[in-house]
Amino acid sequence: MRNASLKTLMNAQINPNDKPAALTRSQLMRGLAALANPAKAAIVAKYFKTGPGEYGEGDKFLGIAVPLQRKVALRYRALALRDLALLLASHTHEHRFAGLEILVAQYEHAAEADRETIVEFYLQHTRSINNWDLVDTSAPYILGEHLKTRPRRLLVTLARSRSVWERRIAIISTLTLIRNGETADTFRIAKLLLSDPHDLIQKAVGWALREAGKVSQAALLEFLSQHYTSLSRTTLRYAIERFPPQRRKRLLSGKF
């Protein structure tokens, strides 16, 4: 762990142009509040399963469309990590989403040493990356990008986590590796997660397998054939959805 480095960056802007931040976290939060749509927020809260006992229990929404959230967030991409930590600690979903969008932008433009610190910060705040959209908007673009040139043992650690969100981070991060032409880690992490009880993981695994099939259909079919009896129907349906209808029907019945 590079605690000294992280502490330094928690109190500094990560800005590729080395210019002082002109806007503040409070301004960002006020800007989002001004765009709130209570009627839409109620609908979105149901979609993200915020009821008692559901995976998003207690999450609060402002009801802002994702493209607009991104547009607002990126105006504040020079915020210090201490401000992003406060955004990620918020009970308001859009605050956490904005914080992650800013972190993605900072990673993209950061120097190599700062990238190491951003990834460390990201991994220290996985508890706040606590819905599928928060994982999907950040994991491939921070952790996935980082692991393109580094050992991938961390993916196994995350895949074995008790946290459903860390397990989703593990498999979703491999999407970046797939785009880089690499599928081995996707298949390795998918195998670890085949028996995962959570529907969000089964869907994510199926999605990643489908994307791996774009690189090598033969490798996908071999994996599906080898693990057919362990695959959930959800995972299998997602994995084969790009095949023609008749082929999908045969694959669902185990005919590879």
Protein backbone atom coordinates (compact mmCIF):
# COMPACT_ATOMS: atom_id res chain seq x y z
CA MET A 1 0.00 0.00 0.00
CA ARG A 2 1.19 3.49 -0.83
CA ASN A 3 -0.48 5.36 2.02
CA ALA A 4 1.80 8.39 1.84
CA SER A 5 1.09 8.81 -1.85
CA LEU A 6 -2.64 8.36 -1.34
CA LYS A 7 -2.70 10.88 1.51
CA THR A 8 -0.91 13.41 -0.68
CA LEU A 9 -3.36 13.01 -3.54
CA MET A 10 -6.37 13.06 -1.23
CA ASN A 11 -5.47 16.70 -0.69
CA ALA A 12 -4.56 17.63 -4.24
CA GLN A 13 -6.26 17.94 -7.59
CA ILE A 14 -5.43 15.37 -10.24
CA ASN A 15 -5.42 17.68 -13.22
CA PRO A 16 -3.44 16.95 -16.38
CA ASN A 17 -3.01 20.67 -16.98
CA ASP A 18 -1.86 21.43 -13.42
CA LYS A 19 -4.46 24.17 -13.11
CA PRO A 20 -6.29 24.83 -9.83
CA ALA A 21 -9.85 23.54 -9.59
CA ALA A 22 -12.29 26.32 -10.39
CA LEU A 23 -15.36 24.49 -9.14
CA THR A 24 -16.18 22.84 -5.82
CA ARG A 25 -17.90 19.70 -4.62
CA SER A 26 -20.66 21.80 -3.07
CA GLN A 27 -21.31 23.41 -6.43
CA LEU A 28 -21.49 19.99 -8.06
CA MET A 29 -24.03 18.80 -5.52
CA ARG A 30 -26.11 21.94 -5.95
CA GLY A 31 -25.95 21.55 -9.71
CA LEU A 32 -27.27 18.01 -9.48
CA ALA A 33 -29.97 19.04 -7.02
CA ALA A 34 -31.18 21.68 -9.48
CA LEU A 35 -31.79 18.93 -12.04
CA ALA A 36 -33.72 16.66 -9.69
CA ASN A 37 -36.91 15.08 -10.99
CA PRO A 38 -38.89 13.56 -8.10
CA ALA A 39 -41.30 11.68 -10.36
CA LYS A 40 -38.47 10.04 -12.26
CA ALA A 41 -36.58 9.43 -9.03
CA ALA A 42 -39.45 7.29 -7.73
CA ILE A 43 -39.40 5.18 -10.89
CA VAL A 44 -35.62 4.81 -10.89
CA ALA A 45 -35.61 3.82 -7.22
CA LYS A 46 -37.86 0.85 -8.04
CA TYR A 47 -35.72 -0.10 -11.05
CA PHE A 48 -32.58 -0.18 -8.91
CA LYS A 49 -34.25 -2.32 -6.26
CA THR A 50 -34.13 0.02 -3.27
CA GLY A 51 -36.93 -1.63 -1.29
CA PRO A 52 -36.45 -3.50 2.02
CA GLY A 53 -34.26 -6.55 1.55
CA GLU A 54 -33.38 -5.66 -2.04
CA TYR A 55 -29.81 -5.16 -3.24
CA GLY A 56 -30.14 -1.37 -3.41
CA GLU A 57 -32.02 -0.98 -0.15
CA GLY A 58 -32.11 2.58 1.14
CA ASP A 59 -30.45 4.21 -1.88
CA LYS A 60 -31.72 7.72 -2.65
CA PHE A 61 -32.16 9.08 -6.17
CA LEU A 62 -32.53 12.54 -7.67
CA GLY A 63 -33.94 11.22 -10.93
CA ILE A 64 -31.39 12.59 -13.43
CA ALA A 65 -30.73 10.95 -16.80
CA VAL A 66 -27.29 9.33 -17.07
CA PRO A 67 -26.00 11.45 -20.00
CA LEU A 68 -26.87 14.60 -18.06
CA GLN A 69 -25.19 13.28 -14.91
CA ARG A 70 -22.01 12.65 -16.90
CA LYS A 71 -22.12 16.09 -18.49
CA VAL A 72 -22.42 17.78 -15.11
CA ALA A 73 -19.85 15.55 -13.40
CA LEU A 74 -17.12 16.13 -15.96
CA ARG A 75 -17.16 19.87 -15.36
CA TYR A 76 -15.74 19.00 -11.92
CA ARG A 77 -13.06 16.53 -13.02
CA ALA A 78 -10.33 18.47 -11.18
CA LEU A 79 -11.82 17.77 -7.73
CA ALA A 80 -9.40 16.36 -5.16
CA LEU A 81 -9.73 12.76 -4.02
CA ARG A 82 -10.90 13.95 -0.60
CA ASP A 83 -13.93 15.48 -2.35
CA LEU A 84 -14.53 12.32 -4.34
CA ALA A 85 -14.41 10.34 -1.09
CA LEU A 86 -17.19 12.53 0.29
CA LEU A 87 -19.24 12.09 -2.87
CA LEU A 88 -18.83 8.33 -2.64
CA ALA A 89 -19.94 8.40 1.00
CA SER A 90 -23.21 10.11 0.05
CA HIS A 91 -26.54 8.30 0.33
CA THR A 92 -27.56 9.95 -2.95
CA HIS A 93 -26.91 7.68 -5.90
CA GLU A 94 -26.14 10.46 -8.35
CA HIS A 95 -23.44 11.83 -6.05
CA ARG A 96 -21.66 8.49 -6.08
CA PHE A 97 -22.14 8.15 -9.84
CA ALA A 98 -20.67 11.61 -10.40
CA GLY A 99 -17.71 10.81 -8.15
CA LEU A 100 -16.93 7.69 -10.14
CA GLU A 101 -17.27 9.46 -13.48
CA ILE A 102 -14.78 12.05 -12.28
CA LEU A 103 -12.43 9.31 -11.07
CA VAL A 104 -12.58 7.61 -14.48
CA ALA A 105 -11.70 10.90 -16.18
CA GLN A 106 -8.85 11.48 -13.75
CA TYR A 107 -7.43 8.01 -14.33
CA GLU A 108 -7.56 8.51 -18.09
CA HIS A 109 -5.47 11.68 -17.95
CA ALA A 110 -3.26 10.96 -14.93
CA ALA A 111 0.47 10.31 -14.85
CA GLU A 112 1.46 6.71 -14.17
CA ALA A 113 2.23 7.26 -10.47
CA ASP A 114 -1.11 8.97 -9.95
CA ARG A 115 -2.88 6.11 -11.73
CA GLU A 116 -1.52 3.70 -9.13
CA THR A 117 -2.95 5.89 -6.40
CA ILE A 118 -6.32 6.27 -8.12
CA VAL A 119 -6.66 2.48 -8.36
CA GLU A 120 -5.76 2.16 -4.68
CA PHE A 121 -8.38 4.77 -3.84
CA TYR A 122 -10.94 2.94 -6.00
CA LEU A 123 -10.32 -0.38 -4.26
CA GLN A 124 -10.56 1.26 -0.84
CA HIS A 125 -14.04 2.57 -1.71
CA THR A 126 -15.70 -0.51 -3.20
CA ARG A 127 -18.28 -0.41 -0.42
CA SER A 128 -19.63 2.76 -2.03
CA ILE A 129 -19.64 1.23 -5.53
CA ASN A 130 -22.80 -0.53 -4.52
CA ASN A 131 -25.06 -0.91 -7.51
CA TRP A 132 -24.59 -2.47 -10.91
CA ASP A 133 -24.48 0.82 -12.82
CA LEU A 134 -21.79 2.18 -10.50
CA VAL A 135 -19.67 -0.90 -11.13
CA ASP A 136 -20.27 -0.86 -14.87
CA THR A 137 -19.44 2.83 -15.32
CA SER A 138 -16.14 2.52 -13.47
CA ALA A 139 -14.60 -0.96 -13.25
CA PRO A 140 -13.62 -1.44 -16.92
CA TYR A 141 -12.22 2.09 -17.22
CA ILE A 142 -10.18 2.11 -14.03
CA LEU A 143 -9.33 -1.39 -12.86
CA GLY A 144 -9.69 -3.04 -16.27
CA GLU A 145 -7.45 -0.46 -17.91
CA HIS A 146 -4.93 -0.75 -15.10
CA LEU A 147 -4.68 -4.53 -15.38
CA LYS A 148 -3.93 -4.48 -19.09
CA THR A 149 -0.24 -4.23 -18.23
CA ARG A 150 -0.20 -5.79 -14.76
CA PRO A 151 -0.71 -9.17 -13.05
CA ARG A 152 -4.39 -10.11 -12.68
CA ARG A 153 -4.31 -11.96 -9.32
CA LEU A 154 -6.45 -9.18 -7.87
CA LEU A 155 -9.36 -10.33 -10.04
CA VAL A 156 -9.38 -13.69 -8.28
CA THR A 157 -9.35 -12.00 -4.87
CA LEU A 158 -12.31 -9.82 -5.87
CA ALA A 159 -14.18 -12.76 -7.40
CA ARG A 160 -13.92 -14.60 -4.07
CA SER A 161 -15.12 -11.61 -2.05
CA ARG A 162 -18.22 -11.76 0.13
CA SER A 163 -19.29 -8.49 -1.49
CA VAL A 164 -21.51 -8.95 -4.54
CA TRP A 165 -20.21 -5.64 -5.87
CA GLU A 166 -16.56 -6.69 -5.65
CA ARG A 167 -17.45 -9.93 -7.43
CA ARG A 168 -19.16 -7.92 -10.17
CA ILE A 169 -16.13 -5.61 -10.38
CA ALA A 170 -13.98 -8.70 -10.99
CA ILE A 171 -15.89 -9.96 -14.00
CA ILE A 172 -16.85 -6.57 -15.46
CA SER A 173 -13.22 -5.40 -15.34
CA THR A 174 -12.33 -8.18 -17.77
CA LEU A 175 -14.38 -6.48 -20.49
CA THR A 176 -11.43 -4.16 -21.05
CA LEU A 177 -9.11 -7.13 -21.39
CA ILE A 178 -11.48 -8.64 -23.94
CA ARG A 179 -11.37 -5.44 -25.97
CA ASN A 180 -7.60 -5.87 -25.84
CA GLY A 181 -8.01 -9.32 -27.42
CA GLU A 182 -7.52 -11.29 -24.19
CA THR A 183 -10.12 -13.78 -22.96
CA ALA A 184 -8.26 -16.08 -20.56
CA ASP A 185 -9.03 -13.99 -17.48
CA THR A 186 -12.69 -13.70 -18.42
CA PHE A 187 -13.03 -17.46 -18.61
CA ARG A 188 -11.03 -17.91 -15.40
CA ILE A 189 -13.18 -15.47 -13.41
CA ALA A 190 -16.38 -16.73 -15.00
CA LYS A 191 -15.54 -20.25 -13.82
CA LEU A 192 -15.11 -19.00 -10.25
CA LEU A 193 -18.52 -17.30 -10.40
CA LEU A 194 -20.60 -19.97 -12.12
CA SER A 195 -22.26 -21.01 -8.87
CA ASP A 196 -22.74 -17.47 -7.58
CA PRO A 197 -26.26 -17.15 -6.12
CA HIS A 198 -26.81 -13.53 -7.14
CA ASP A 199 -28.70 -12.80 -10.35
CA LEU A 200 -26.61 -9.68 -10.99
CA ILE A 201 -23.48 -11.83 -11.09
CA GLN A 202 -25.06 -14.42 -13.35
CA LYS A 203 -26.04 -11.69 -15.80
CA ALA A 204 -22.60 -10.10 -15.65
CA VAL A 205 -20.88 -13.43 -16.26
CA GLY A 206 -23.13 -14.11 -19.24
CA TRP A 207 -22.43 -10.65 -20.62
CA ALA A 208 -18.67 -11.10 -20.29
CA LEU A 209 -18.80 -14.54 -21.90
CA ARG A 210 -20.82 -13.14 -24.80
CA GLU A 211 -18.17 -10.47 -25.35
CA ALA A 212 -15.38 -13.06 -25.12
CA GLY A 213 -17.17 -14.96 -27.86
CA LYS A 214 -16.61 -12.03 -30.19
CA VAL A 215 -12.88 -12.65 -29.86
CA SER A 216 -13.14 -16.43 -30.14
CA GLN A 217 -16.45 -18.15 -30.72
CA ALA A 218 -14.70 -21.50 -30.53
CA ALA A 219 -13.32 -20.72 -27.07
CA LEU A 220 -16.75 -19.62 -25.89
CA LEU A 221 -18.41 -22.80 -27.14
CA GLU A 222 -15.71 -24.92 -25.54
CA PHE A 223 -16.23 -23.17 -22.20
CA LEU A 224 -20.01 -23.50 -22.39
CA SER A 225 -19.79 -27.17 -23.34
CA GLN A 226 -17.32 -27.94 -20.56
CA HIS A 227 -19.39 -26.17 -17.89
CA TYR A 228 -22.89 -26.69 -19.25
CA THR A 229 -24.19 -28.54 -16.18
CA SER A 230 -22.92 -25.74 -13.90
CA LEU A 231 -24.28 -22.83 -15.92
CA SER A 232 -27.39 -21.02 -14.76
CA ARG A 233 -30.00 -20.46 -17.45
CA THR A 234 -29.50 -16.72 -17.00
CA THR A 235 -25.78 -16.93 -17.69
CA LEU A 236 -26.24 -19.25 -20.65
CA ARG A 237 -28.95 -17.10 -22.26
CA TYR A 238 -26.82 -13.99 -21.98
CA ALA A 239 -23.73 -15.78 -23.28
CA ILE A 240 -25.40 -17.09 -26.46
CA GLU A 241 -27.72 -14.25 -27.34
CA ARG A 242 -25.73 -13.30 -30.45
CA PHE A 243 -26.17 -16.72 -32.01
CA PRO A 244 -29.00 -17.28 -34.55
CA PRO A 245 -32.31 -18.40 -32.96
CA GLN A 246 -32.10 -22.03 -34.01
CA ARG A 247 -28.51 -22.30 -32.81
CA ARG A 248 -29.49 -20.75 -29.48
CA LYS A 249 -32.21 -23.34 -29.09
CA ARG A 250 -29.73 -26.17 -29.60
CA LEU A 251 -27.19 -24.61 -27.25
CA LEU A 252 -29.81 -24.21 -24.54
CA SER A 253 -30.48 -27.92 -24.74
CA GLY A 254 -26.77 -28.69 -24.44
CA LYS A 255 -26.09 -29.49 -28.08
CA PHE A 256 -22.76 -27.92 -28.85
